């Protein structure tokens, strides 16, 4: 199983990615006013997020309004709402499983079961990272496409918001942390190595040698007992 330090690193990266995904979901900065053409001298900045849009005046005053209807949103923002929320919930589940299966906890006693639960939490974090990456990239593609579309007026063009960069960082952290946690799988051939290193001694079978070495702990594999010569 991976060292405790590697597990702590994977959990820490995943938790930071989870917090960043919450920030990405809450901030209304998925789209911002593009300062081109006549918008260069505009007296206000428009922010558009998943749940509301905000208008910042040149005086510093900001007014935000929650969307009246979800159906009025573009398709990319509608999908982003669902995917980001699901990703946050999955990250919470992955965090609970990772903490429960950590080396410093006793929630799961068997080492093999701990490794499996830790791998499951890593897979959940990877899925959460993908669910964050898809809507972020989709929204960025839509913004860039509309920006270079000559049929879209300058007042309707938007630029990439700060929330998108936070979302990309959150996705990267979740994927990296989940990948590290997936490395907790027991190395292949462990049973064979153990059986080879524990040679039978005078009148003691291989199975007894394994039991003596492990202090009576129960393991899921067993070594063959050699036939006496």
Protein backbone atom coordinates (compact mmCIF):
# COMPACT_ATOMS: atom_id res chain seq x y z
CA UNK A 1 0.00 0.00 0.00
CA UNK A 2 1.16 3.55 -0.66
CA UNK A 3 2.88 5.42 2.15
CA UNK A 4 0.89 7.57 4.52
CA UNK A 5 2.53 10.70 3.14
CA UNK A 6 1.34 9.87 -0.37
CA UNK A 7 -2.18 9.28 0.90
CA UNK A 8 -2.20 12.59 2.78
CA UNK A 9 -0.95 14.37 -0.35
CA UNK A 10 -3.68 12.83 -2.50
CA UNK A 11 -6.40 13.66 0.01
CA UNK A 12 -5.10 17.22 0.46
CA UNK A 13 -5.03 17.90 -3.29
CA UNK A 14 -8.52 16.45 -3.69
CA UNK A 15 -9.93 18.51 -0.82
CA UNK A 16 -8.39 21.70 -2.23
CA UNK A 17 -9.88 20.82 -5.61
CA UNK A 18 -13.26 20.28 -3.97
CA UNK A 19 -13.10 23.70 -2.27
CA UNK A 20 -12.07 25.30 -5.56
CA UNK A 21 -15.03 23.66 -7.32
CA UNK A 22 -17.38 25.16 -4.71
CA UNK A 23 -15.81 28.57 -5.34
CA UNK A 24 -16.17 28.09 -9.08
CA UNK A 25 -19.84 27.20 -8.67
CA UNK A 26 -20.65 30.13 -6.39
CA UNK A 27 -18.82 32.99 -8.11
CA UNK A 28 -20.84 34.76 -10.84
CA UNK A 29 -17.82 35.20 -13.10
CA UNK A 30 -18.18 32.57 -15.78
CA UNK A 31 -18.58 35.28 -18.41
CA UNK A 32 -17.39 38.86 -18.32
CA UNK A 33 -17.84 41.90 -20.51
CA UNK A 34 -15.46 41.89 -23.47
CA UNK A 35 -13.87 45.32 -23.78
CA UNK A 36 -13.76 45.65 -27.55
CA UNK A 37 -15.13 48.22 -29.95
CA UNK A 38 -17.65 50.50 -28.28
CA UNK A 39 -17.37 48.54 -25.02
CA UNK A 40 -13.96 50.08 -24.34
CA UNK A 41 -15.60 53.20 -22.95
CA UNK A 42 -18.43 51.38 -21.21
CA UNK A 43 -19.32 52.55 -17.70
CA UNK A 44 -20.23 49.12 -16.36
CA UNK A 45 -18.96 45.56 -16.19
CA UNK A 46 -21.31 42.59 -16.59
CA UNK A 47 -20.63 39.27 -14.90
CA UNK A 48 -22.62 36.14 -15.67
CA UNK A 49 -22.54 33.03 -13.50
CA UNK A 50 -24.44 29.81 -12.95
CA UNK A 51 -26.96 31.27 -10.53
CA UNK A 52 -26.99 35.04 -11.09
CA UNK A 53 -25.62 37.92 -13.11
CA UNK A 54 -24.04 41.05 -11.67
CA UNK A 55 -23.51 44.56 -12.98
CA UNK A 56 -20.62 46.60 -11.58
CA UNK A 57 -20.84 50.35 -12.16
CA UNK A 58 -17.84 52.60 -12.62
CA UNK A 59 -18.54 53.99 -9.14
CA UNK A 60 -17.90 50.54 -7.65
CA UNK A 61 -21.54 49.79 -6.90
CA UNK A 62 -22.55 46.22 -7.73
CA UNK A 63 -26.04 44.87 -8.29
CA UNK A 64 -26.73 41.14 -8.65
CA UNK A 65 -29.91 39.41 -9.77
CA UNK A 66 -30.77 35.73 -9.58
CA UNK A 67 -31.96 34.23 -12.84
CA UNK A 68 -35.74 34.16 -13.08
CA UNK A 69 -35.84 30.88 -14.98
CA UNK A 70 -33.29 28.16 -15.56
CA UNK A 71 -34.72 27.57 -19.03
CA UNK A 72 -33.67 31.09 -20.02
CA UNK A 73 -30.01 30.16 -19.59
CA UNK A 74 -27.83 28.94 -22.46
CA UNK A 75 -27.43 25.19 -22.79
CA UNK A 76 -23.84 25.23 -21.58
CA UNK A 77 -24.76 26.97 -18.33
CA UNK A 78 -27.74 24.67 -17.77
CA UNK A 79 -25.51 21.62 -18.13
CA UNK A 80 -22.81 23.27 -16.01
CA UNK A 81 -25.24 23.71 -13.13
CA UNK A 82 -26.05 20.01 -12.99
CA UNK A 83 -22.51 18.73 -13.58
CA UNK A 84 -20.81 21.03 -11.10
CA UNK A 85 -23.30 20.26 -8.34
CA UNK A 86 -22.94 16.51 -8.94
CA UNK A 87 -19.14 16.89 -8.93
CA UNK A 88 -19.23 18.69 -5.57
CA UNK A 89 -21.43 15.97 -4.04
CA UNK A 90 -19.15 13.24 -5.40
CA UNK A 91 -16.10 15.02 -4.01
CA UNK A 92 -17.72 15.07 -0.56
CA UNK A 93 -18.34 11.32 -0.82
CA UNK A 94 -14.79 10.73 -2.00
CA UNK A 95 -13.40 12.74 0.91
CA UNK A 96 -15.37 10.70 3.45
CA UNK A 97 -14.21 7.41 1.92
CA UNK A 98 -10.60 8.59 1.74
CA UNK A 99 -10.55 9.64 5.39
CA UNK A 100 -12.25 6.42 6.50
CA UNK A 101 -9.73 4.25 4.63
CA UNK A 102 -6.61 6.18 5.61
CA UNK A 103 -3.69 4.48 7.31
CA UNK A 104 -4.12 6.65 10.40
CA UNK A 105 -7.77 5.64 10.94
CA UNK A 106 -9.38 2.44 12.21
CA UNK A 107 -12.72 2.69 10.41
CA UNK A 108 -11.62 -0.17 8.14
CA UNK A 109 -9.38 -2.72 9.86
CA UNK A 110 -8.37 -4.99 6.99
CA UNK A 111 -5.50 -3.59 4.90
CA UNK A 112 -6.83 -5.08 1.68
CA UNK A 113 -10.26 -3.55 2.27
CA UNK A 114 -8.60 -0.21 3.08
CA UNK A 115 -6.77 -0.27 -0.23
CA UNK A 116 -9.97 -1.02 -2.14
CA UNK A 117 -11.90 1.78 -0.41
CA UNK A 118 -9.03 4.20 -1.05
CA UNK A 119 -8.99 3.24 -4.73
CA UNK A 120 -12.75 3.78 -4.87
CA UNK A 121 -12.35 7.27 -3.40
CA UNK A 122 -9.66 8.03 -5.98
CA UNK A 123 -11.95 6.95 -8.80
CA UNK A 124 -14.72 9.15 -7.39
CA UNK A 125 -12.38 12.15 -7.31
CA UNK A 126 -11.36 11.48 -10.92
CA UNK A 127 -15.02 11.35 -11.99
CA UNK A 128 -15.66 14.60 -10.11
CA UNK A 129 -12.72 16.23 -11.89
CA UNK A 130 -14.07 15.14 -15.27
CA UNK A 131 -17.54 16.48 -14.39
CA UNK A 132 -15.93 19.85 -13.61
CA UNK A 133 -13.75 19.85 -16.72
CA UNK A 134 -16.57 19.17 -19.20
CA UNK A 135 -18.80 22.23 -18.46
CA UNK A 136 -15.80 24.52 -17.97
CA UNK A 137 -14.36 23.62 -21.37
CA UNK A 138 -17.80 23.70 -22.99
CA UNK A 139 -18.49 27.22 -21.70
CA UNK A 140 -15.04 28.41 -22.75
CA UNK A 141 -15.57 27.01 -26.24
CA UNK A 142 -18.94 28.76 -26.50
CA UNK A 143 -17.50 32.09 -25.35
CA UNK A 144 -14.57 31.91 -27.79
CA UNK A 145 -16.84 30.86 -30.66
CA UNK A 146 -19.24 33.75 -30.07
CA UNK A 147 -16.34 36.17 -29.64
CA UNK A 148 -15.10 35.50 -33.17
CA UNK A 149 -18.58 35.24 -34.67
CA UNK A 150 -19.14 38.31 -36.88
CA UNK A 151 -22.91 37.97 -36.48
CA UNK A 152 -22.67 38.66 -32.73
CA UNK A 153 -22.59 42.34 -31.84
CA UNK A 154 -19.78 43.73 -29.68
CA UNK A 155 -22.19 44.45 -26.82
CA UNK A 156 -23.18 40.77 -26.67
CA UNK A 157 -19.67 39.34 -26.83
CA UNK A 158 -18.22 38.02 -23.59
CA UNK A 159 -14.75 37.15 -22.34
CA UNK A 160 -13.54 34.22 -20.23
CA UNK A 161 -14.40 34.82 -16.59
CA UNK A 162 -12.29 34.15 -13.52
CA UNK A 163 -14.52 31.25 -12.48
CA UNK A 164 -13.44 29.27 -15.53
CA UNK A 165 -9.79 29.43 -14.50
CA UNK A 166 -10.72 28.41 -10.96
CA UNK A 167 -12.69 25.51 -12.44
CA UNK A 168 -9.75 24.35 -14.55
CA UNK A 169 -7.53 24.42 -11.46
CA UNK A 170 -10.15 22.51 -9.45
CA UNK A 171 -10.42 19.86 -12.15
CA UNK A 172 -6.65 19.43 -12.31
CA UNK A 173 -6.37 19.07 -8.53
CA UNK A 174 -9.19 16.53 -8.38
CA UNK A 175 -7.71 14.47 -11.20
CA UNK A 176 -4.22 14.60 -9.69
CA UNK A 177 -5.40 13.79 -6.19
CA UNK A 178 -7.61 10.96 -7.42
CA UNK A 179 -4.75 9.52 -9.44
CA UNK A 180 -2.47 9.53 -6.41
CA UNK A 181 -5.10 7.78 -4.28
CA UNK A 182 -5.54 5.12 -6.95
CA UNK A 183 -1.87 4.20 -6.44
CA UNK A 184 -2.79 2.56 -3.13
CA UNK A 185 -3.45 -0.72 -4.93
CA UNK A 186 -1.30 -3.54 -3.45
CA UNK A 187 1.61 -4.35 -5.79
CA UNK A 188 1.18 -7.46 -7.94
CA UNK A 189 3.02 -10.58 -6.98
CA UNK A 190 3.03 -9.79 -3.28
CA UNK A 191 1.90 -13.29 -2.35
CA UNK A 192 4.64 -14.94 -4.39
CA UNK A 193 7.35 -12.73 -2.90
CA UNK A 194 6.16 -13.47 0.62
CA UNK A 195 6.07 -17.22 0.04
CA UNK A 196 9.56 -17.23 -1.46
CA UNK A 197 11.16 -15.28 1.36
CA UNK A 198 9.67 -17.43 4.12
CA UNK A 199 11.39 -20.79 3.61
CA UNK A 200 10.33 -23.73 5.82
CA UNK A 201 12.61 -24.64 8.66
CA UNK A 202 13.12 -27.82 10.66
CA UNK A 203 9.76 -29.55 10.93
CA UNK A 204 7.86 -26.29 10.33
CA UNK A 205 5.63 -26.04 7.29
CA UNK A 206 5.46 -23.00 5.04
CA UNK A 207 1.98 -22.10 6.27
CA UNK A 208 3.19 -22.09 9.87
CA UNK A 209 6.16 -19.89 8.95
CA UNK A 210 3.84 -17.32 7.39
CA UNK A 211 1.61 -17.37 10.46
CA UNK A 212 4.57 -16.89 12.78
CA UNK A 213 6.01 -14.03 10.73
CA UNK A 214 2.71 -12.16 10.52
CA UNK A 215 1.97 -12.56 14.20
CA UNK A 216 -1.20 -14.51 13.66
CA UNK A 217 -2.85 -11.90 11.38
CA UNK A 218 -5.34 -13.17 8.88
CA UNK A 219 -4.44 -12.72 5.23
CA UNK A 220 -6.42 -13.62 2.16
CA UNK A 221 -3.62 -15.65 0.59
CA UNK A 222 -1.89 -18.80 1.79
CA UNK A 223 1.38 -20.45 0.91
CA UNK A 224 1.53 -24.09 -0.09
CA UNK A 225 2.82 -26.61 2.43
CA UNK A 226 5.74 -28.57 0.92
CA UNK A 227 5.65 -32.34 0.87
CA UNK A 228 8.21 -33.74 3.39
CA UNK A 229 11.13 -35.57 1.80
